[in-house]
C-alpha atoms as a PDB file:
ATOM      1  CA  MET A   1       5.305  27.672 -10.115  1.00  0.00           C
ATOM      2  CA  GLU A   2       4.545  29.697  -7.047  1.00  0.00           C
ATOM      3  CA  ILE A   3       6.122  28.634  -3.749  1.00  0.00           C
ATOM      4  CA  ASP A   4       4.886  29.895  -0.405  1.00  0.00           C
ATOM      5  CA  THR A   5       7.358  29.216   2.393  1.00  0.00           C
ATOM      6  CA  SER A   6       6.041  31.954   4.817  1.00  0.00           C
ATOM      7  CA  GLY A   7       4.675  29.318   7.232  1.00  0.00           C
ATOM      8  CA  TRP A   8       7.893  27.178   7.328  1.00  0.00           C
ATOM      9  CA  ALA A   9      10.826  27.746   9.605  1.00  0.00           C
ATOM     10  CA  GLY A  10      13.233  26.119   7.054  1.00  0.00           C
ATOM     11  CA  GLU A  11      13.986  23.131   9.168  1.00  0.00           C
ATOM     12  CA  GLY A  12      14.317  19.830   7.298  1.00  0.00           C
ATOM     13  CA  THR A  13      16.773  18.870   4.620  1.00  0.00           C
ATOM     14  CA  PHE A  14      14.463  16.311   3.082  1.00  0.00           C
ATOM     15  CA  THR A  15      11.617  18.977   2.905  1.00  0.00           C
ATOM     16  CA  ALA A  16      14.072  21.113   0.799  1.00  0.00           C
ATOM     17  CA  THR A  17      14.990  18.232  -1.423  1.00  0.00           C
ATOM     18  CA  LEU A  18      11.252  17.430  -1.882  1.00  0.00           C
ATOM     19  CA  ILE A  19      10.490  21.138  -2.872  1.00  0.00           C
ATOM     20  CA  GLU A  20      13.451  20.944  -5.477  1.00  0.00           C
ATOM     21  CA  ALA A  21      11.912  17.825  -6.865  1.00  0.00           C
ATOM     22  CA  LEU A  22       8.357  19.399  -7.126  1.00  0.00           C
ATOM     23  CA  GLU A  23       9.909  22.391  -8.882  1.00  0.00           C
ATOM     24  CA  ALA A  24      10.834  19.969 -11.837  1.00  0.00           C
ATOM     25  CA  ILE A  25       7.301  18.674 -12.126  1.00  0.00           C
ATOM     26  CA  ASP A  26       5.316  20.748 -14.723  1.00  0.00           C
ATOM     27  CA  ALA A  27       1.922  19.759 -13.566  1.00  0.00           C
ATOM     28  CA  VAL A  28       2.491  21.400  -9.933  1.00  0.00           C
ATOM     29  CA  VAL A  29       1.596  25.115 -10.127  1.00  0.00           C
ATOM     30  CA  TYR A  30       1.431  25.911  -6.370  1.00  0.00           C
ATOM     31  CA  VAL A  31       3.258  24.738  -3.282  1.00  0.00           C
ATOM     32  CA  ARG A  32       2.965  25.924   0.239  1.00  0.00           C
ATOM     33  CA  VAL A  33       5.138  24.619   3.112  1.00  0.00           C
ATOM     34  CA  GLU A  34       4.172  24.762   6.676  1.00  0.00           C
ATOM     35  CA  ASP A  35       5.492  23.652   9.883  1.00  0.00           C
ATOM     36  CA  ALA A  36       3.291  21.010  11.454  1.00  0.00           C
ATOM     37  CA  PRO A  37       2.429  21.443  15.359  1.00  0.00           C
ATOM     38  CA  SER A  38       3.804  17.918  16.186  1.00  0.00           C
ATOM     39  CA  SER A  39       7.514  19.120  15.804  1.00  0.00           C
ATOM     40  CA  ARG A  40       9.595  18.804  18.785  1.00  0.00           C
ATOM     41  CA  ALA A  41      12.995  18.477  20.129  1.00  0.00           C
ATOM     42  CA  GLU A  42      14.386  16.890  23.165  1.00  0.00           C
ATOM     43  CA  ALA A  43      17.658  15.666  24.436  1.00  0.00           C
ATOM     44  CA  GLY A  44      19.191  13.030  21.743  1.00  0.00           C
ATOM     45  CA  TYR A  45      16.530  13.556  19.022  1.00  0.00           C
ATOM     46  CA  ALA A  46      14.527  15.956  17.050  1.00  0.00           C
ATOM     47  CA  PHE A  47      11.320  15.291  15.448  1.00  0.00           C
ATOM     48  CA  ILE A  48      10.501  17.762  12.445  1.00  0.00           C
ATOM     49  CA  SER A  49       7.031  17.637  10.861  1.00  0.00           C
ATOM     50  CA  ASN A  50       6.291  19.680   7.720  1.00  0.00           C
ATOM     51  CA  GLU A  51       3.147  19.723   5.726  1.00  0.00           C
ATOM     52  CA  VAL A  52       3.309  20.507   1.852  1.00  0.00           C
ATOM     53  CA  PHE A  53       0.118  21.629   0.204  1.00  0.00           C
ATOM     54  CA  LEU A  54       0.024  21.704  -3.700  1.00  0.00           C
ATOM     55  CA  ARG A  55      -2.139  22.535  -6.496  1.00  0.00           C
ATOM     56  CA  PHE A  56      -1.852  20.859 -10.042  1.00  0.00           C
ATOM     57  CA  GLN A  57      -2.479  22.645 -13.450  1.00  0.00           C
ATOM     58  CA  THR A  58      -5.984  22.047 -14.540  1.00  0.00           C
ATOM     59  CA  GLN A  59      -7.282  21.450 -18.080  1.00  0.00           C
ATOM     60  CA  ASP A  60     -10.926  21.909 -19.385  1.00  0.00           C
ATOM     61  CA  ARG A  61     -12.596  19.178 -21.275  1.00  0.00           C
ATOM     62  CA  ARG A  62     -16.119  19.012 -22.871  1.00  0.00           C
ATOM     63  CA  GLU A  63     -18.442  16.276 -21.979  1.00  0.00           C
ATOM     64  CA  THR A  64     -22.203  15.680 -22.811  1.00  0.00           C
ATOM     65  CA  VAL A  65     -24.585  15.407 -19.957  1.00  0.00           C
ATOM     66  CA  ARG A  66     -27.904  14.042 -20.080  1.00  0.00           C
ATOM     67  CA  ARG A  67     -30.681  14.997 -17.554  1.00  0.00           C
ATOM     68  CA  PHE A  68     -34.389  14.545 -17.735  1.00  0.00           C
ATOM     69  CA  GLY A  69     -34.007  13.353 -21.333  1.00  0.00           C
ATOM     70  CA  ILE A  70     -32.229  16.355 -22.456  1.00  0.00           C
ATOM     71  CA  THR A  71     -28.561  16.320 -23.608  1.00  0.00           C
ATOM     72  CA  TRP A  72     -26.240  19.299 -23.578  1.00  0.00           C
ATOM     73  CA  PRO A  73     -22.507  19.883 -23.509  1.00  0.00           C
ATOM     74  CA  ARG A  74     -20.648  21.305 -20.586  1.00  0.00           C
ATOM     75  CA  THR A  75     -17.269  22.045 -19.663  1.00  0.00           C
ATOM     76  CA  VAL A  76     -15.340  20.198 -16.665  1.00  0.00           C
ATOM     77  CA  ARG A  77     -12.230  21.435 -15.209  1.00  0.00           C
ATOM     78  CA  ALA A  78      -9.814  18.475 -13.999  1.00  0.00           C
ATOM     79  CA  ASP A  79      -6.384  18.323 -12.668  1.00  0.00           C
ATOM     80  CA  GLN A  80      -3.593  17.172 -14.844  1.00  0.00           C
ATOM     81  CA  MET A  81      -2.117  14.893 -12.285  1.00  0.00           C
ATOM     82  CA  THR A  82      -3.184  13.052  -9.212  1.00  0.00           C
ATOM     83  CA  LEU A  83      -1.446  12.253  -6.007  1.00  0.00           C
ATOM     84  CA  GLU A  84      -0.780   8.820  -7.027  1.00  0.00           C
ATOM     85  CA  GLU A  85       0.943   9.899 -10.178  1.00  0.00           C
ATOM     86  CA  LEU A  86       2.846  12.484  -8.022  1.00  0.00           C
ATOM     87  CA  GLY A  87       4.053   9.699  -5.873  1.00  0.00           C
ATOM     88  CA  ARG A  88       5.217   7.721  -8.950  1.00  0.00           C
ATOM     89  CA  ALA A  89       6.911  10.901 -10.432  1.00  0.00           C
ATOM     90  CA  LEU A  90       8.690  11.694  -7.056  1.00  0.00           C
ATOM     91  CA  GLY A  91       9.616   7.960  -6.824  1.00  0.00           C
ATOM     92  CA  ALA A  92      11.620   8.422  -9.859  1.00  0.00           C
ATOM     93  CA  ALA A  93      13.247  11.441  -8.717  1.00  0.00           C
ATOM     94  CA  GLU A  94      16.698  11.253  -7.317  1.00  0.00           C
ATOM     95  CA  ASN A  95      17.198  11.674  -3.545  1.00  0.00           C
ATOM     96  CA  VAL A  96      13.314  11.344  -2.935  1.00  0.00           C
ATOM     97  CA  GLY A  97      12.088   7.854  -3.775  1.00  0.00           C
ATOM     98  CA  GLN A  98       8.523   6.304  -3.092  1.00  0.00           C
ATOM     99  CA  PRO A  99       6.325   7.575  -0.434  1.00  0.00           C
ATOM    100  CA  ASP A 100       6.243   5.557   2.921  1.00  0.00           C
ATOM    101  CA  TYR A 101       2.514   5.941   2.927  1.00  0.00           C
ATOM    102  CA  ALA A 102       0.090   6.985   0.378  1.00  0.00           C
ATOM    103  CA  ASP A 103      -3.872   7.246   0.035  1.00  0.00           C
ATOM    104  CA  THR A 104      -6.185   9.091  -2.182  1.00  0.00           C
ATOM    105  CA  GLY A 105      -5.782  12.179   0.058  1.00  0.00           C
ATOM    106  CA  MET A 106      -2.104  12.243   1.225  1.00  0.00           C
ATOM    107  CA  LEU A 107       1.434  11.122   0.655  1.00  0.00           C
ATOM    108  CA  GLN A 108       3.893  10.862   3.587  1.00  0.00           C
ATOM    109  CA  TYR A 109       7.600  10.429   3.599  1.00  0.00           C
ATOM    110  CA  LEU A 110       9.422   9.565   6.897  1.00  0.00           C
ATOM    111  CA  ARG A 111      13.335   9.950   7.070  1.00  0.00           C
ATOM    112  CA  THR A 112      15.647   9.590   9.791  1.00  0.00           C
ATOM    113  CA  GLU A 113      19.438  10.612  10.053  1.00  0.00           C
ATOM    114  CA  ARG A 114      21.871  10.680  12.755  1.00  0.00           C
ATOM    115  CA  ILE A 115      23.904  13.948  13.200  1.00  0.00           C
ATOM    116  CA  VAL A 116      27.244  14.004  15.218  1.00  0.00           C
ATOM    117  CA  PRO A 117      28.639  17.311  15.412  1.00  0.00           C
ATOM    118  CA  PRO A 118      32.315  17.692  15.483  1.00  0.00           C
ATOM    119  CA  TYR A 119      34.124  17.037  18.840  1.00  0.00           C
ATOM    120  CA  GLN A 120      31.106  15.363  20.371  1.00  0.00           C
ATOM    121  CA  THR A 121      30.543  11.714  21.289  1.00  0.00           C
ATOM    122  CA  LYS A 122      26.832  11.704  21.348  1.00  0.00           C
ATOM    123  CA  GLY A 123      24.861  12.674  18.321  1.00  0.00           C
ATOM    124  CA  VAL A 124      21.304  13.625  17.687  1.00  0.00           C
ATOM    125  CA  LYS A 125      18.821  11.593  15.888  1.00  0.00           C
ATOM    126  CA  VAL A 126      16.747  13.655  13.519  1.00  0.00           C
ATOM    127  CA  VAL A 127      13.386  12.149  12.374  1.00  0.00           C
ATOM    128  CA  GLU A 128      11.699  14.247   9.614  1.00  0.00           C
ATOM    129  CA  MET A 129       7.938  13.577   8.548  1.00  0.00           C
ATOM    130  CA  VAL A 130       6.645  15.340   5.492  1.00  0.00           C
ATOM    131  CA  ARG A 131       2.971  15.056   4.565  1.00  0.00           C
ATOM    132  CA  ILE A 132       1.722  16.218   1.022  1.00  0.00           C
ATOM    133  CA  TYR A 133      -1.799  17.155   0.627  1.00  0.00           C
ATOM    134  CA  LEU A 134      -3.747  19.036  -2.022  1.00  0.00           C
ATOM    135  CA  ALA A 135      -4.403  22.653  -1.411  1.00  0.00           C
ATOM    136  CA  GLY A 136      -8.153  23.269  -0.284  1.00  0.00           C
ATOM    137  CA  SER A 137      -8.470  19.559   0.995  1.00  0.00           C
ATOM    138  CA  LYS A 138      -9.538  18.743   4.489  1.00  0.00           C
ATOM    139  CA  ILE A 139      -6.930  17.591   6.916  1.00  0.00           C
ATOM    140  CA  PRO A 140      -8.221  14.737   9.021  1.00  0.00           C
END
């Protein structure tokens, strides 16, 4: 599997956990992680938004096509996995779980945690949102 993290600052513990879970899935051959422009931090909270683009392994299959009364065989390349199947596989993975939102073009995870550094009374609430898309698909 090829992993490209050049566009990611490395923030987000759940994103790192998600990447580890994706490494265990054989059908995933390419993963690119990027920081989303909606990330921000202010007093008392931090909102981390990351986007993951991935590609699945493909397999060729032969099918017969009929056009204008003529039939001929052709080779069709199809992905070995869909985003829906990936959501189920990640749901079975430890520390990941089912996506909070899923449709045909995206999986979305939203995690929150409160971090209280030593010797401080107020902590920081960290909200992390990770969206998973297929590489090459258009982002709405």
